[in-house]
Amino acid sequence: MKTDTAEVVEEMRGEYTFDYSQAKPNRFAEYLTGETLTVVLDPDVAAVFQTSDAVNRVLRALIETMPHPVEA
């Protein structure tokens, strides 16, 4: 009989053995060339900006409105 008071013990093993013979190439690796930065959007923001292109367009427009530092 199952009881609600049963404890689940989660424990890390000292060593894990993985079978890399069944590993597959990363299908997203081609997109990770060059510098990348991952940004997590809040759900309300992500609902408006659903693609990285949309986010980049708005951020570039915002950058244009910001004052630029004067170079010496």
C-alpha atoms as a PDB file:
ATOM      1  CA  MET A   1       0.000   0.000   0.000  1.00  0.00           C
ATOM      2  CA  LYS A   2       1.300   3.466  -0.928  1.00  0.00           C
ATOM      3  CA  THR A   3       1.486   6.104   1.801  1.00  0.00           C
ATOM      4  CA  ASP A   4       1.937   9.869   1.632  1.00  0.00           C
ATOM      5  CA  THR A   5       4.733   9.773   4.192  1.00  0.00           C
ATOM      6  CA  ALA A   6       7.152   7.816   1.999  1.00  0.00           C
ATOM      7  CA  GLU A   7      10.442   9.683   1.577  1.00  0.00           C
ATOM      8  CA  VAL A   8      12.143   9.949  -1.773  1.00  0.00           C
ATOM      9  CA  VAL A   9      15.900  10.105  -1.477  1.00  0.00           C
ATOM     10  CA  GLU A  10      17.618  11.705  -4.454  1.00  0.00           C
ATOM     11  CA  GLU A  11      21.308  11.106  -4.405  1.00  0.00           C
ATOM     12  CA  MET A  12      24.105  11.752  -6.892  1.00  0.00           C
ATOM     13  CA  ARG A  13      26.245   8.779  -7.778  1.00  0.00           C
ATOM     14  CA  GLY A  14      29.999   9.061  -7.495  1.00  0.00           C
ATOM     15  CA  GLU A  15      30.391   8.282 -11.198  1.00  0.00           C
ATOM     16  CA  TYR A  16      28.109   7.925 -14.208  1.00  0.00           C
ATOM     17  CA  THR A  17      28.835   5.887 -17.319  1.00  0.00           C
ATOM     18  CA  PHE A  18      27.363   7.183 -20.583  1.00  0.00           C
ATOM     19  CA  ASP A  19      27.094   5.273 -23.855  1.00  0.00           C
ATOM     20  CA  TYR A  20      28.442   7.822 -26.353  1.00  0.00           C
ATOM     21  CA  SER A  21      28.219   5.338 -29.230  1.00  0.00           C
ATOM     22  CA  GLN A  22      24.564   6.319 -29.670  1.00  0.00           C
ATOM     23  CA  ALA A  23      25.204  10.071 -29.495  1.00  0.00           C
ATOM     24  CA  LYS A  24      24.030  12.220 -32.410  1.00  0.00           C
ATOM     25  CA  PRO A  25      25.559  15.459 -33.744  1.00  0.00           C
ATOM     26  CA  ASN A  26      24.078  18.673 -32.398  1.00  0.00           C
ATOM     27  CA  ARG A  27      21.626  19.791 -35.077  1.00  0.00           C
ATOM     28  CA  PHE A  28      21.722  23.352 -33.735  1.00  0.00           C
ATOM     29  CA  ALA A  29      25.525  23.696 -33.794  1.00  0.00           C
ATOM     30  CA  GLU A  30      25.531  25.670 -37.063  1.00  0.00           C
ATOM     31  CA  TYR A  31      23.511  28.414 -35.366  1.00  0.00           C
ATOM     32  CA  LEU A  32      26.041  28.789 -32.564  1.00  0.00           C
ATOM     33  CA  THR A  33      28.890  30.153 -34.658  1.00  0.00           C
ATOM     34  CA  GLY A  34      30.368  33.460 -33.575  1.00  0.00           C
ATOM     35  CA  GLU A  35      29.283  35.299 -30.468  1.00  0.00           C
ATOM     36  CA  THR A  36      25.880  34.501 -29.088  1.00  0.00           C
ATOM     37  CA  LEU A  37      24.059  35.789 -26.054  1.00  0.00           C
ATOM     38  CA  THR A  38      21.001  34.186 -24.556  1.00  0.00           C
ATOM     39  CA  VAL A  39      18.472  36.479 -22.926  1.00  0.00           C
ATOM     40  CA  VAL A  40      15.379  35.225 -21.148  1.00  0.00           C
ATOM     41  CA  LEU A  41      12.317  37.412 -21.682  1.00  0.00           C
ATOM     42  CA  ASP A  42       9.500  37.692 -19.196  1.00  0.00           C
ATOM     43  CA  PRO A  43       6.311  36.058 -20.484  1.00  0.00           C
ATOM     44  CA  ASP A  44       4.515  39.370 -21.091  1.00  0.00           C
ATOM     45  CA  VAL A  45       7.436  40.681 -23.165  1.00  0.00           C
ATOM     46  CA  ALA A  46       7.802  37.416 -25.080  1.00  0.00           C
ATOM     47  CA  ALA A  47       4.119  37.590 -26.001  1.00  0.00           C
ATOM     48  CA  VAL A  48       4.800  40.852 -27.864  1.00  0.00           C
ATOM     49  CA  PHE A  49       8.256  40.056 -29.304  1.00  0.00           C
ATOM     50  CA  GLN A  50       7.990  36.515 -30.594  1.00  0.00           C
ATOM     51  CA  THR A  51      11.163  36.433 -32.722  1.00  0.00           C
ATOM     52  CA  SER A  52      14.749  37.476 -32.152  1.00  0.00           C
ATOM     53  CA  ASP A  53      14.471  39.737 -35.214  1.00  0.00           C
ATOM     54  CA  ALA A  54      11.586  41.661 -33.604  1.00  0.00           C
ATOM     55  CA  VAL A  55      13.558  42.128 -30.394  1.00  0.00           C
ATOM     56  CA  ASN A  56      16.658  43.266 -32.295  1.00  0.00           C
ATOM     57  CA  ARG A  57      14.701  45.821 -34.369  1.00  0.00           C
ATOM     58  CA  VAL A  58      13.188  47.414 -31.269  1.00  0.00           C
ATOM     59  CA  LEU A  59      16.496  47.455 -29.399  1.00  0.00           C
ATOM     60  CA  ARG A  60      18.290  49.060 -32.369  1.00  0.00           C
ATOM     61  CA  ALA A  61      15.579  51.737 -32.546  1.00  0.00           C
ATOM     62  CA  LEU A  62      16.004  52.362 -28.812  1.00  0.00           C
ATOM     63  CA  ILE A  63      19.779  52.630 -29.200  1.00  0.00           C
ATOM     64  CA  GLU A  64      19.285  55.329 -31.841  1.00  0.00           C
ATOM     65  CA  THR A  65      17.325  57.455 -29.346  1.00  0.00           C
ATOM     66  CA  MET A  66      19.994  57.192 -26.627  1.00  0.00           C
ATOM     67  CA  PRO A  67      22.661  59.860 -26.269  1.00  0.00           C
ATOM     68  CA  HIS A  68      26.050  58.749 -27.491  1.00  0.00           C
ATOM     69  CA  PRO A  69      29.160  59.509 -25.428  1.00  0.00           C
ATOM     70  CA  VAL A  70      31.459  62.180 -26.862  1.00  0.00           C
ATOM     71  CA  GLU A  71      34.809  60.704 -27.871  1.00  0.00           C
ATOM     72  CA  ALA A  72      37.927  62.706 -26.947  1.00  0.00           C
END
